Amino acid sequence: MHQNLADVTIIPNLPWIIGGGMLLGFMAIGGWIFTTWLRIKNGYPLENSWGRAIHPQVTNEAKERIKLLTNENAELRAEIGSLKDRLGTIERIITDQPSRLARDIDALSTVKGGHA
């Protein structure tokens, strides 16, 4: 009574064989997702199924949108700079000594009163 290879080795270990195959498949999918994420993060172009780089189409509408966003970005940066200056002034006023602040306010009121 000689048992064949399938009954002795393969059938009892079938859950391990299937689990190993599934694990290998999931690792391959996870690796593909990870490399795609790295490419996106570091600015490399993505590839299609034939290995050719996929570049975004630059249309006139996209160029105009980029131009508008660039202008808006510059305006917002200038506004942030102004707000930083104002905040610095407010911080200085708050942290100054009360007597010095009162003296500065009195000096300003006499200057305005003299010119009026």
PDB file of N, CA and C in Angstrom:
ATOM      1  N   MET A   1       0.819  -1.175   0.000  1.00  0.00           N
ATOM      2  CA  MET A   1       0.000   0.000   0.000  1.00  0.00           C
ATOM      3  C   MET A   1       0.864   1.239   0.000  1.00  0.00           C
ATOM      4  N   HIS A   2       1.134   1.654  -1.125  1.00  0.00           N
ATOM      5  CA  HIS A   2       1.972   2.818  -1.279  1.00  0.00           C
ATOM      6  C   HIS A   2       1.098   4.011  -1.611  1.00  0.00           C
ATOM      7  N   GLN A   3       1.171   5.079  -0.779  1.00  0.00           N
ATOM      8  CA  GLN A   3       0.370   6.273  -1.021  1.00  0.00           C
ATOM      9  C   GLN A   3       1.118   7.206  -1.981  1.00  0.00           C
ATOM     10  N   ASN A   4       0.373   7.872  -2.819  1.00  0.00           N
ATOM     11  CA  ASN A   4       1.040   8.751  -3.776  1.00  0.00           C
ATOM     12  C   ASN A   4       1.416  10.087  -3.124  1.00  0.00           C
ATOM     13  N   LEU A   5       2.173  10.899  -3.854  1.00  0.00           N
ATOM     14  CA  LEU A   5       2.728  12.162  -3.356  1.00  0.00           C
ATOM     15  C   LEU A   5       1.634  13.154  -2.962  1.00  0.00           C
ATOM     16  N   ALA A   6       0.556  13.203  -3.723  1.00  0.00           N
ATOM     17  CA  ALA A   6      -0.514  14.164  -3.446  1.00  0.00           C
ATOM     18  C   ALA A   6      -1.155  13.897  -2.103  1.00  0.00           C
ATOM     19  N   ASP A   7      -1.415  12.637  -1.786  1.00  0.00           N
ATOM     20  CA  ASP A   7      -2.067  12.306  -0.521  1.00  0.00           C
ATOM     21  C   ASP A   7      -1.159  12.551   0.674  1.00  0.00           C
ATOM     22  N   VAL A   8       0.126  12.394   0.504  1.00  0.00           N
ATOM     23  CA  VAL A   8       1.057  12.491   1.622  1.00  0.00           C
ATOM     24  C   VAL A   8       1.539  13.929   1.839  1.00  0.00           C
ATOM     25  N   THR A   9       1.872  14.624   0.784  1.00  0.00           N
ATOM     26  CA  THR A   9       2.542  15.915   0.926  1.00  0.00           C
ATOM     27  C   THR A   9       1.660  17.108   0.553  1.00  0.00           C
ATOM     28  N   ILE A  10       1.040  17.047  -0.593  1.00  0.00           N
ATOM     29  CA  ILE A  10       0.355  18.233  -1.115  1.00  0.00           C
ATOM     30  C   ILE A  10      -0.957  18.507  -0.387  1.00  0.00           C
ATOM     31  N   ILE A  11      -1.801  17.514  -0.256  1.00  0.00           N
ATOM     32  CA  ILE A  11      -3.131  17.725   0.337  1.00  0.00           C
ATOM     33  C   ILE A  11      -3.034  18.233   1.786  1.00  0.00           C
ATOM     34  N   PRO A  12      -2.210  17.651   2.659  1.00  0.00           N
ATOM     35  CA  PRO A  12      -2.153  18.189   4.023  1.00  0.00           C
ATOM     36  C   PRO A  12      -1.596  19.617   4.102  1.00  0.00           C
ATOM     37  N   ASN A  13      -0.760  19.984   3.151  1.00  0.00           N
ATOM     38  CA  ASN A  13      -0.131  21.315   3.163  1.00  0.00           C
ATOM     39  C   ASN A  13      -0.807  22.305   2.229  1.00  0.00           C
ATOM     40  N   LEU A  14      -1.957  21.946   1.678  1.00  0.00           N
ATOM     41  CA  LEU A  14      -2.647  22.810   0.729  1.00  0.00           C
ATOM     42  C   LEU A  14      -3.002  24.177   1.319  1.00  0.00           C
ATOM     43  N   PRO A  15      -3.486  24.295   2.562  1.00  0.00           N
ATOM     44  CA  PRO A  15      -3.746  25.640   3.106  1.00  0.00           C
ATOM     45  C   PRO A  15      -2.488  26.507   3.153  1.00  0.00           C
ATOM     46  N   TRP A  16      -1.352  25.923   3.479  1.00  0.00           N
ATOM     47  CA  TRP A  16      -0.093  26.679   3.507  1.00  0.00           C
ATOM     48  C   TRP A  16       0.325  27.105   2.107  1.00  0.00           C
ATOM     49  N   ILE A  17       0.123  26.243   1.139  1.00  0.00           N
ATOM     50  CA  ILE A  17       0.500  26.563  -0.247  1.00  0.00           C
ATOM     51  C   ILE A  17      -0.377  27.701  -0.773  1.00  0.00           C
ATOM     52  N   ILE A  18      -1.677  27.600  -0.543  1.00  0.00           N
ATOM     53  CA  ILE A  18      -2.590  28.649  -1.008  1.00  0.00           C
ATOM     54  C   ILE A  18      -2.320  29.958  -0.261  1.00  0.00           C
ATOM     55  N   GLY A  19      -2.131  29.873   1.052  1.00  0.00           N
ATOM     56  CA  GLY A  19      -1.838  31.070   1.838  1.00  0.00           C
ATOM     57  C   GLY A  19      -0.550  31.745   1.394  1.00  0.00           C
ATOM     58  N   GLY A  20       0.470  30.947   1.103  1.00  0.00           N
ATOM     59  CA  GLY A  20       1.741  31.510   0.619  1.00  0.00           C
ATOM     60  C   GLY A  20       1.576  32.198  -0.722  1.00  0.00           C
ATOM     61  N   GLY A  21       0.791  31.590  -1.603  1.00  0.00           N
ATOM     62  CA  GLY A  21       0.540  32.216  -2.911  1.00  0.00           C
ATOM     63  C   GLY A  21      -0.216  33.525  -2.775  1.00  0.00           C
ATOM     64  N   MET A  22      -1.209  33.512  -1.887  1.00  0.00           N
ATOM     65  CA  MET A  22      -1.959  34.758  -1.667  1.00  0.00           C
ATOM     66  C   MET A  22      -1.077  35.836  -1.039  1.00  0.00           C
ATOM     67  N   LEU A  23      -0.241  35.438  -0.082  1.00  0.00           N
ATOM     68  CA  LEU A  23       0.665  36.398   0.546  1.00  0.00           C
ATOM     69  C   LEU A  23       1.622  36.991  -0.486  1.00  0.00           C
ATOM     70  N   LEU A  24       2.151  36.162  -1.362  1.00  0.00           N
ATOM     71  CA  LEU A  24       3.055  36.639  -2.411  1.00  0.00           C
ATOM     72  C   LEU A  24       2.332  37.620  -3.331  1.00  0.00           C
ATOM     73  N   GLY A  25       1.089  37.308  -3.670  1.00  0.00           N
ATOM     74  CA  GLY A  25       0.303  38.211  -4.521  1.00  0.00           C
ATOM     75  C   GLY A  25       0.040  39.546  -3.847  1.00  0.00           C
ATOM     76  N   PHE A  26      -0.340  39.501  -2.562  1.00  0.00           N
ATOM     77  CA  PHE A  26      -0.578  40.754  -1.836  1.00  0.00           C
ATOM     78  C   PHE A  26       0.696  41.569  -1.685  1.00  0.00           C
ATOM     79  N   MET A  27       1.824  40.910  -1.498  1.00  0.00           N
ATOM     80  CA  MET A  27       3.093  41.632  -1.399  1.00  0.00           C
ATOM     81  C   MET A  27       3.432  42.306  -2.725  1.00  0.00           C
ATOM     82  N   ALA A  28       3.141  41.636  -3.839  1.00  0.00           N
ATOM     83  CA  ALA A  28       3.408  42.237  -5.146  1.00  0.00           C
ATOM     84  C   ALA A  28       2.526  43.463  -5.364  1.00  0.00           C
ATOM     85  N   ILE A  29       1.254  43.367  -5.016  1.00  0.00           N
ATOM     86  CA  ILE A  29       0.338  44.508  -5.159  1.00  0.00           C
ATOM     87  C   ILE A  29       0.763  45.646  -4.243  1.00  0.00           C
ATOM     88  N   GLY A  30       1.124  45.330  -3.006  1.00  0.00           N
ATOM     89  CA  GLY A  30       1.593  46.358  -2.072  1.00  0.00           C
ATOM     90  C   GLY A  30       2.863  47.035  -2.568  1.00  0.00           C
ATOM     91  N   GLY A  31       3.777  46.268  -3.151  1.00  0.00           N
ATOM     92  CA  GLY A  31       4.999  46.854  -3.705  1.00  0.00           C
ATOM     93  C   GLY A  31       4.702  47.796  -4.860  1.00  0.00           C
ATOM     94  N   TRP A  32       3.739  47.401  -5.710  1.00  0.00           N
ATOM     95  CA  TRP A  32       3.366  48.259  -6.832  1.00  0.00           C
ATOM     96  C   TRP A  32       2.758  49.569  -6.321  1.00  0.00           C
ATOM     97  N   ILE A  33       1.894  49.474  -5.314  1.00  0.00           N
ATOM     98  CA  ILE A  33       1.287  50.684  -4.738  1.00  0.00           C
ATOM     99  C   ILE A  33       2.363  51.565  -4.111  1.00  0.00           C
ATOM    100  N   PHE A  34       3.304  50.960  -3.397  1.00  0.00           N
ATOM    101  CA  PHE A  34       4.362  51.723  -2.744  1.00  0.00           C
ATOM    102  C   PHE A  34       5.254  52.428  -3.759  1.00  0.00           C
ATOM    103  N   THR A  35       5.653  51.738  -4.831  1.00  0.00           N
ATOM    104  CA  THR A  35       6.511  52.390  -5.831  1.00  0.00           C
ATOM    105  C   THR A  35       5.765  53.503  -6.560  1.00  0.00           C
ATOM    106  N   THR A  36       4.462  53.310  -6.802  1.00  0.00           N
ATOM    107  CA  THR A  36       3.677  54.376  -7.432  1.00  0.00           C
ATOM    108  C   THR A  36       3.612  55.591  -6.519  1.00  0.00           C
ATOM    109  N   TRP A  37       3.411  55.361  -5.227  1.00  0.00           N
ATOM    110  CA  TRP A  37       3.377  56.458  -4.261  1.00  0.00           C
ATOM    111  C   TRP A  37       4.713  57.195  -4.234  1.00  0.00           C
ATOM    112  N   LEU A  38       5.818  56.438  -4.244  1.00  0.00           N
ATOM    113  CA  LEU A  38       7.141  57.076  -4.250  1.00  0.00           C
ATOM    114  C   LEU A  38       7.352  57.912  -5.501  1.00  0.00           C
ATOM    115  N   ARG A  39       6.900  57.413  -6.643  1.00  0.00           N
ATOM    116  CA  ARG A  39       7.047  58.179  -7.884  1.00  0.00           C
ATOM    117  C   ARG A  39       6.261  59.480  -7.810  1.00  0.00           C
ATOM    118  N   ILE A  40       5.036  59.397  -7.320  1.00  0.00           N
ATOM    119  CA  ILE A  40       4.213  60.602  -7.215  1.00  0.00           C
ATOM    120  C   ILE A  40       4.839  61.579  -6.231  1.00  0.00           C
ATOM    121  N   LYS A  41       5.285  61.074  -5.090  1.00  0.00           N
ATOM    122  CA  LYS A  41       5.854  61.928  -4.049  1.00  0.00           C
ATOM    123  C   LYS A  41       7.097  62.663  -4.537  1.00  0.00           C
ATOM    124  N   ASN A  42       7.928  61.997  -5.324  1.00  0.00           N
ATOM    125  CA  ASN A  42       9.194  62.577  -5.749  1.00  0.00           C
ATOM    126  C   ASN A  42       9.128  63.216  -7.131  1.00  0.00           C
ATOM    127  N   GLY A  43       7.945  63.280  -7.718  1.00  0.00           N
ATOM    128  CA  GLY A  43       7.777  64.014  -8.966  1.00  0.00           C
ATOM    129  C   GLY A  43       8.140  63.252 -10.222  1.00  0.00           C
ATOM    130  N   TYR A  44       8.300  61.947 -10.150  1.00  0.00           N
ATOM    131  CA  TYR A  44       8.580  61.173 -11.353  1.00  0.00           C
ATOM    132  C   TYR A  44       7.288  60.931 -12.121  1.00  0.00           C
ATOM    133  N   PRO A  45       7.363  60.857 -13.443  1.00  0.00           N
ATOM    134  CA  PRO A  45       6.129  60.620 -14.203  1.00  0.00           C
ATOM    135  C   PRO A  45       5.633  59.185 -14.003  1.00  0.00           C
ATOM    136  N   LEU A  46       4.324  59.027 -14.044  1.00  0.00           N
ATOM    137  CA  LEU A  46       3.745  57.694 -13.967  1.00  0.00           C
ATOM    138  C   LEU A  46       3.845  57.035 -15.331  1.00  0.00           C
ATOM    139  N   GLU A  47       3.722  55.722 -15.372  1.00  0.00           N
ATOM    140  CA  GLU A  47       3.850  54.983 -16.625  1.00  0.00           C
ATOM    141  C   GLU A  47       2.565  54.245 -16.932  1.00  0.00           C
ATOM    142  N   ASN A  48       2.302  54.070 -18.237  1.00  0.00           N
ATOM    143  CA  ASN A  48       1.161  53.265 -18.621  1.00  0.00           C
ATOM    144  C   ASN A  48       1.569  51.795 -18.638  1.00  0.00           C
ATOM    145  N   SER A  49       0.702  50.933 -19.127  1.00  0.00           N
ATOM    146  CA  SER A  49       0.986  49.499 -19.081  1.00  0.00           C
ATOM    147  C   SER A  49       2.133  49.087 -20.008  1.00  0.00           C
ATOM    148  N   TRP A  50       2.518  49.941 -20.953  1.00  0.00           N
ATOM    149  CA  TRP A  50       3.628  49.637 -21.856  1.00  0.00           C
ATOM    150  C   TRP A  50       4.929  50.276 -21.424  1.00  0.00           C
ATOM    151  N   GLY A  51       4.937  50.937 -20.276  1.00  0.00           N
ATOM    152  CA  GLY A  51       6.160  51.527 -19.766  1.00  0.00           C
ATOM    153  C   GLY A  51       6.430  52.938 -20.248  1.00  0.00           C
ATOM    154  N   ARG A  52       5.507  53.518 -20.999  1.00  0.00           N
ATOM    155  CA  ARG A  52       5.685  54.891 -21.464  1.00  0.00           C
ATOM    156  C   ARG A  52       5.190  55.864 -20.408  1.00  0.00           C
ATOM    157  N   ALA A  53       5.898  56.969 -20.265  1.00  0.00           N
ATOM    158  CA  ALA A  53       5.542  57.965 -19.254  1.00  0.00           C
ATOM    159  C   ALA A  53       4.229  58.637 -19.619  1.00  0.00           C
ATOM    160  N   ILE A  54       3.401  58.838 -18.610  1.00  0.00           N
ATOM    161  CA  ILE A  54       2.133  59.541 -18.780  1.00  0.00           C
ATOM    162  C   ILE A  54       2.362  60.977 -18.331  1.00  0.00           C
ATOM    163  N   HIS A  55       2.281  61.904 -19.258  1.00  0.00           N
ATOM    164  CA  HIS A  55       2.459  63.314 -18.936  1.00  0.00           C
ATOM    165  C   HIS A  55       1.109  64.005 -19.035  1.00  0.00           C
ATOM    166  N   PRO A  56       0.833  64.927 -18.143  1.00  0.00           N
ATOM    167  CA  PRO A  56      -0.460  65.624 -18.232  1.00  0.00           C
ATOM    168  C   PRO A  56      -0.512  66.502 -19.473  1.00  0.00           C
ATOM    169  N   GLN A  57      -1.685  66.597 -20.055  1.00  0.00           N
ATOM    170  CA  GLN A  57      -1.884  67.441 -21.224  1.00  0.00           C
ATOM    171  C   GLN A  57      -1.972  68.894 -20.768  1.00  0.00           C
ATOM    172  N   VAL A  58      -1.180  69.763 -21.388  1.00  0.00           N
ATOM    173  CA  VAL A  58      -1.200  71.180 -21.046  1.00  0.00           C
ATOM    174  C   VAL A  58      -2.018  71.891 -22.122  1.00  0.00           C
ATOM    175  N   THR A  59      -3.192  72.351 -21.733  1.00  0.00           N
ATOM    176  CA  THR A  59      -4.074  73.058 -22.658  1.00  0.00           C
ATOM    177  C   THR A  59      -4.022  74.546 -22.348  1.00  0.00           C
ATOM    178  N   ASN A  60      -4.662  75.335 -23.200  1.00  0.00           N
ATOM    179  CA  ASN A  60      -4.720  76.782 -22.954  1.00  0.00           C
ATOM    180  C   ASN A  60      -5.472  77.080 -21.665  1.00  0.00           C
ATOM    181  N   GLU A  61      -6.507  76.283 -21.389  1.00  0.00           N
ATOM    182  CA  GLU A  61      -7.262  76.465 -20.154  1.00  0.00           C
ATOM    183  C   GLU A  61      -6.378  76.200 -18.938  1.00  0.00           C
ATOM    184  N   ALA A  62      -5.557  75.166 -19.011  1.00  0.00           N
ATOM    185  CA  ALA A  62      -4.660  74.849 -17.894  1.00  0.00           C
ATOM    186  C   ALA A  62      -3.611  75.946 -17.726  1.00  0.00           C
ATOM    187  N   LYS A  63      -3.095  76.460 -18.829  1.00  0.00           N
ATOM    188  CA  LYS A  63      -2.106  77.543 -18.745  1.00  0.00           C
ATOM    189  C   LYS A  63      -2.719  78.783 -18.098  1.00  0.00           C
ATOM    190  N   GLU A  64      -3.950  79.102 -18.490  1.00  0.00           N
ATOM    191  CA  GLU A  64      -4.623  80.271 -17.917  1.00  0.00           C
ATOM    192  C   GLU A  64      -4.886  80.070 -16.429  1.00  0.00           C
ATOM    193  N   ARG A  65      -5.286  78.854 -16.050  1.00  0.00           N
ATOM    194  CA  ARG A  65      -5.541  78.558 -14.639  1.00  0.00           C
ATOM    195  C   ARG A  65      -4.245  78.678 -13.830  1.00  0.00           C
ATOM    196  N   ILE A  66      -3.144  78.189 -14.388  1.00  0.00           N
ATOM    197  CA  ILE A  66      -1.847  78.292 -13.703  1.00  0.00           C
ATOM    198  C   ILE A  66      -1.463  79.761 -13.532  1.00  0.00           C
ATOM    199  N   LYS A  67      -1.701  80.564 -14.555  1.00  0.00           N
ATOM    200  CA  LYS A  67      -1.381  81.985 -14.482  1.00  0.00           C
ATOM    201  C   LYS A  67      -2.206  82.677 -13.400  1.00  0.00           C
ATOM    202  N   LEU A  68      -3.513  82.384 -13.350  1.00  0.00           N
ATOM    203  CA  LEU A  68      -4.375  82.985 -12.331  1.00  0.00           C
ATOM    204  C   LEU A  68      -3.966  82.545 -10.926  1.00  0.00           C
ATOM    205  N   LEU A  69      -3.650  81.276 -10.772  1.00  0.00           N
ATOM    206  CA  LEU A  69      -3.233  80.781  -9.459  1.00  0.00           C
ATOM    207  C   LEU A  69      -1.903  81.380  -9.027  1.00  0.00           C
ATOM    208  N   THR A  70      -0.999  81.590  -9.984  1.00  0.00           N
ATOM    209  CA  THR A  70       0.287  82.208  -9.663  1.00  0.00           C
ATOM    210  C   THR A  70       0.089  83.641  -9.185  1.00  0.00           C
ATOM    211  N   ASN A  71      -0.785  84.377  -9.873  1.00  0.00           N
ATOM    212  CA  ASN A  71      -1.074  85.757  -9.454  1.00  0.00           C
ATOM    213  C   ASN A  71      -1.729  85.790  -8.077  1.00  0.00           C
ATOM    214  N   GLU A  72      -2.686  84.895  -7.866  1.00  0.00           N
ATOM    215  CA  GLU A  72      -3.346  84.845  -6.560  1.00  0.00           C
ATOM    216  C   GLU A  72      -2.354  84.481  -5.461  1.00  0.00           C
ATOM    217  N   ASN A  73      -1.449  83.558  -5.768  1.00  0.00           N
ATOM    218  CA  ASN A  73      -0.421  83.161  -4.800  1.00  0.00           C
ATOM    219  C   ASN A  73       0.449  84.356  -4.423  1.00  0.00           C
ATOM    220  N   ALA A  74       0.844  85.168  -5.405  1.00  0.00           N
ATOM    221  CA  ALA A  74       1.671  86.343  -5.118  1.00  0.00           C
ATOM    222  C   ALA A  74       0.908  87.346  -4.259  1.00  0.00           C
ATOM    223  N   GLU A  75      -0.374  87.550  -4.559  1.00  0.00           N
ATOM    224  CA  GLU A  75      -1.177  88.485  -3.755  1.00  0.00           C
ATOM    225  C   GLU A  75      -1.312  87.999  -2.319  1.00  0.00           C
ATOM    226  N   LEU A  76      -1.554  86.696  -2.163  1.00  0.00           N
ATOM    227  CA  LEU A  76      -1.698  86.148  -0.815  1.00  0.00           C
ATOM    228  C   LEU A  76      -0.396  86.221  -0.029  1.00  0.00           C
ATOM    229  N   ARG A  77       0.724  85.997  -0.702  1.00  0.00           N
ATOM    230  CA  ARG A  77       2.015  86.122  -0.024  1.00  0.00           C
ATOM    231  C   ARG A  77       2.256  87.555   0.443  1.00  0.00           C
ATOM    232  N   ALA A  78       1.890  88.528  -0.386  1.00  0.00           N
ATOM    233  CA  ALA A  78       2.049  89.932   0.014  1.00  0.00           C
ATOM    234  C   ALA A  78       1.145  90.249   1.206  1.00  0.00           C
ATOM    235  N   GLU A  79      -0.073  89.738   1.185  1.00  0.00           N
ATOM    236  CA  GLU A  79      -0.990  89.974   2.300  1.00  0.00           C
ATOM    237  C   GLU A  79      -0.472  89.325   3.580  1.00  0.00           C
ATOM    238  N   ILE A  80       0.085  88.135   3.469  1.00  0.00           N
ATOM    239  CA  ILE A  80       0.654  87.465   4.648  1.00  0.00           C
ATOM    240  C   ILE A  80       1.825  88.267   5.196  1.00  0.00           C
ATOM    241  N   GLY A  81       2.649  88.829   4.320  1.00  0.00           N
ATOM    242  CA  GLY A  81       3.762  89.666   4.768  1.00  0.00           C
ATOM    243  C   GLY A  81       3.271  90.890   5.529  1.00  0.00           C
ATOM    244  N   SER A  82       2.203  91.506   5.017  1.00  0.00           N
ATOM    245  CA  SER A  82       1.621  92.656   5.701  1.00  0.00           C
ATOM    246  C   SER A  82       1.069  92.258   7.064  1.00  0.00           C
ATOM    247  N   LEU A  83       0.391  91.121   7.120  1.00  0.00           N
ATOM    248  CA  LEU A  83      -0.161  90.653   8.387  1.00  0.00           C
ATOM    249  C   LEU A  83       0.937  90.320   9.393  1.00  0.00           C
ATOM    250  N   LYS A  84       2.058  89.794   8.912  1.00  0.00           N
ATOM    251  CA  LYS A  84       3.187  89.507   9.812  1.00  0.00           C
ATOM    252  C   LYS A  84       3.737  90.797  10.406  1.00  0.00           C
ATOM    253  N   ASP A  85       3.838  91.836   9.575  1.00  0.00           N
ATOM    254  CA  ASP A  85       4.314  93.127  10.084  1.00  0.00           C
ATOM    255  C   ASP A  85       3.368  93.691  11.142  1.00  0.00           C
ATOM    256  N   ARG A  86       2.072  93.626  10.855  1.00  0.00           N
ATOM    257  CA  ARG A  86       1.085  94.129  11.817  1.00  0.00           C
ATOM    258  C   ARG A  86       1.117  93.316  13.109  1.00  0.00           C
ATOM    259  N   LEU A  87       1.254  92.008  12.985  1.00  0.00           N
ATOM    260  CA  LEU A  87       1.315  91.159  14.170  1.00  0.00           C
ATOM    261  C   LEU A  87       2.561  91.466  14.994  1.00  0.00           C
ATOM    262  N   GLY A  88       3.676  91.740  14.324  1.00  0.00           N
ATOM    263  CA  GLY A  88       4.891  92.121  15.040  1.00  0.00           C
ATOM    264  C   GLY A  88       4.698  93.410  15.828  1.00  0.00           C
ATOM    265  N   THR A  89       3.996  94.370  15.219  1.00  0.00           N
ATOM    266  CA  THR A  89       3.711  95.620  15.922  1.00  0.00           C
ATOM    267  C   THR A  89       2.822  95.377  17.135  1.00  0.00           C
ATOM    268  N   ILE A  90       1.796  94.557  16.958  1.00  0.00           N
ATOM    269  CA  ILE A  90       0.901  94.235  18.077  1.00  0.00           C
ATOM    270  C   ILE A  90       1.653  93.513  19.188  1.00  0.00           C
ATOM    271  N   GLU A  91       2.525  92.581  18.827  1.00  0.00           N
ATOM    272  CA  GLU A  91       3.323  91.878  19.841  1.00  0.00           C
ATOM    273  C   GLU A  91       4.232  92.849  20.594  1.00  0.00           C
ATOM    274  N   ARG A  92       4.817  93.783  19.860  1.00  0.00           N
ATOM    275  CA  ARG A  92       5.688  94.762  20.509  1.00  0.00           C
ATOM    276  C   ARG A  92       4.899  95.632  21.475  1.00  0.00           C
ATOM    277  N   ILE A  93       3.702  96.050  21.073  1.00  0.00           N
ATOM    278  CA  ILE A  93       2.866  96.882  21.948  1.00  0.00           C
ATOM    279  C   ILE A  93       2.486  96.111  23.198  1.00  0.00           C
ATOM    280  N   ILE A  94       2.133  94.850  23.024  1.00  0.00           N
ATOM    281  CA  ILE A  94       1.700  94.053  24.173  1.00  0.00           C
ATOM    282  C   ILE A  94       2.850  93.796  25.142  1.00  0.00           C
ATOM    283  N   THR A  95       4.056  93.581  24.623  1.00  0.00           N
ATOM    284  CA  THR A  95       5.177  93.229  25.501  1.00  0.00           C
ATOM    285  C   THR A  95       5.917  94.442  26.045  1.00  0.00           C
ATOM    286  N   ASP A  96       5.633  95.653  25.542  1.00  0.00           N
ATOM    287  CA  ASP A  96       6.285  96.855  26.068  1.00  0.00           C
ATOM    288  C   ASP A  96       5.825  97.135  27.492  1.00  0.00           C
ATOM    289  N   GLN A  97       6.613  97.928  28.170  1.00  0.00           N
ATOM    290  CA  GLN A  97       6.260  98.352  29.531  1.00  0.00           C
ATOM    291  C   GLN A  97       5.069  99.305  29.462  1.00  0.00           C
ATOM    292  N   PRO A  98       4.144  99.219  30.408  1.00  0.00           N
ATOM    293  CA  PRO A  98       2.960 100.106  30.381  1.00  0.00           C
ATOM    294  C   PRO A  98       3.333 101.585  30.403  1.00  0.00           C
ATOM    295  N   SER A  99       4.361 101.966  31.163  1.00  0.00           N
ATOM    296  CA  SER A  99       4.730 103.386  31.235  1.00  0.00           C
ATOM    297  C   SER A  99       5.254 103.872  29.884  1.00  0.00           C
ATOM    298  N   ARG A 100       6.019 103.045  29.200  1.00  0.00           N
ATOM    299  CA  ARG A 100       6.548 103.429  27.888  1.00  0.00           C
ATOM    300  C   ARG A 100       5.415 103.554  26.875  1.00  0.00           C
ATOM    301  N   LEU A 101       4.451 102.645  26.948  1.00  0.00           N
ATOM    302  CA  LEU A 101       3.311 102.693  26.047  1.00  0.00           C
ATOM    303  C   LEU A 101       2.512 103.973  26.276  1.00  0.00           C
ATOM    304  N   ALA A 102       2.262 104.311  27.537  1.00  0.00           N
ATOM    305  CA  ALA A 102       1.519 105.538  27.847  1.00  0.00           C
ATOM    306  C   ALA A 102       2.276 106.764  27.344  1.00  0.00           C
ATOM    307  N   ARG A 103       3.602 106.774  27.509  1.00  0.00           N
ATOM    308  CA  ARG A 103       4.430 107.894  27.052  1.00  0.00           C
ATOM    309  C   ARG A 103       4.342 108.028  25.526  1.00  0.00           C
ATOM    310  N   ASP A 104       4.387 106.888  24.804  1.00  0.00           N
ATOM    311  CA  ASP A 104       4.295 106.933  23.342  1.00  0.00           C
ATOM    312  C   ASP A 104       2.930 107.442  22.881  1.00  0.00           C
ATOM    313  N   ILE A 105       1.864 107.017  23.571  1.00  0.00           N
ATOM    314  CA  ILE A 105       0.526 107.486  23.218  1.00  0.00           C
ATOM    315  C   ILE A 105       0.400 108.988  23.476  1.00  0.00           C
ATOM    316  N   ASP A 106       0.944 109.464  24.592  1.00  0.00           N
ATOM    317  CA  ASP A 106       0.906 110.893  24.887  1.00  0.00           C
ATOM    318  C   ASP A 106       1.683 111.671  23.834  1.00  0.00           C
ATOM    319  N   ALA A 107       2.830 111.132  23.420  1.00  0.00           N
ATOM    320  CA  ALA A 107       3.638 111.809  22.401  1.00  0.00           C
ATOM    321  C   ALA A 107       2.871 111.899  21.086  1.00  0.00           C
ATOM    322  N   LEU A 108       2.185 110.841  20.738  1.00  0.00           N
ATOM    323  CA  LEU A 108       1.396 110.865  19.499  1.00  0.00           C
ATOM    324  C   LEU A 108       0.237 111.830  19.594  1.00  0.00           C
ATOM    325  N   SER A 109      -0.414 111.905  20.740  1.00  0.00           N
ATOM    326  CA  SER A 109      -1.570 112.810  20.872  1.00  0.00           C
ATOM    327  C   SER A 109      -1.125 114.269  20.844  1.00  0.00           C
ATOM    328  N   THR A 110       0.049 114.574  21.371  1.00  0.00           N
ATOM    329  CA  THR A 110       0.525 115.963  21.316  1.00  0.00           C
ATOM    330  C   THR A 110       0.948 116.328  19.907  1.00  0.00           C
ATOM    331  N   VAL A 111       1.482 115.348  19.160  1.00  0.00           N
ATOM    332  CA  VAL A 111       1.867 115.630  17.785  1.00  0.00           C
ATOM    333  C   VAL A 111       0.631 115.888  16.936  1.00  0.00           C
ATOM    334  N   LYS A 112      -0.415 115.073  17.120  1.00  0.00           N
ATOM    335  CA  LYS A 112      -1.653 115.278  16.372  1.00  0.00           C
ATOM    336  C   LYS A 112      -2.326 116.579  16.796  1.00  0.00           C
ATOM    337  N   GLY A 113      -2.269 116.891  18.081  1.00  0.00           N
ATOM    338  CA  GLY A 113      -2.891 118.130  18.568  1.00  0.00           C
ATOM    339  C   GLY A 113      -2.164 119.351  18.047  1.00  0.00           C
ATOM    340  N   GLY A 114      -0.868 119.281  17.867  1.00  0.00           N
ATOM    341  CA  GLY A 114      -0.086 120.400  17.387  1.00  0.00           C
ATOM    342  C   GLY A 114      -0.301 120.690  15.910  1.00  0.00           C
ATOM    343  N   HIS A 115      -0.542 119.642  15.125  1.00  0.00           N
ATOM    344  CA  HIS A 115      -0.731 119.809  13.686  1.00  0.00           C
ATOM    345  C   HIS A 115      -2.161 120.125  13.322  1.00  0.00           C
ATOM    346  N   ALA A 116      -3.103 119.923  14.209  1.00  0.00           N
ATOM    347  CA  ALA A 116      -4.524 120.103  13.876  1.00  0.00           C
ATOM    348  C   ALA A 116      -4.971 121.525  13.893  1.00  0.00           C
TER     349      ALA A 116
END
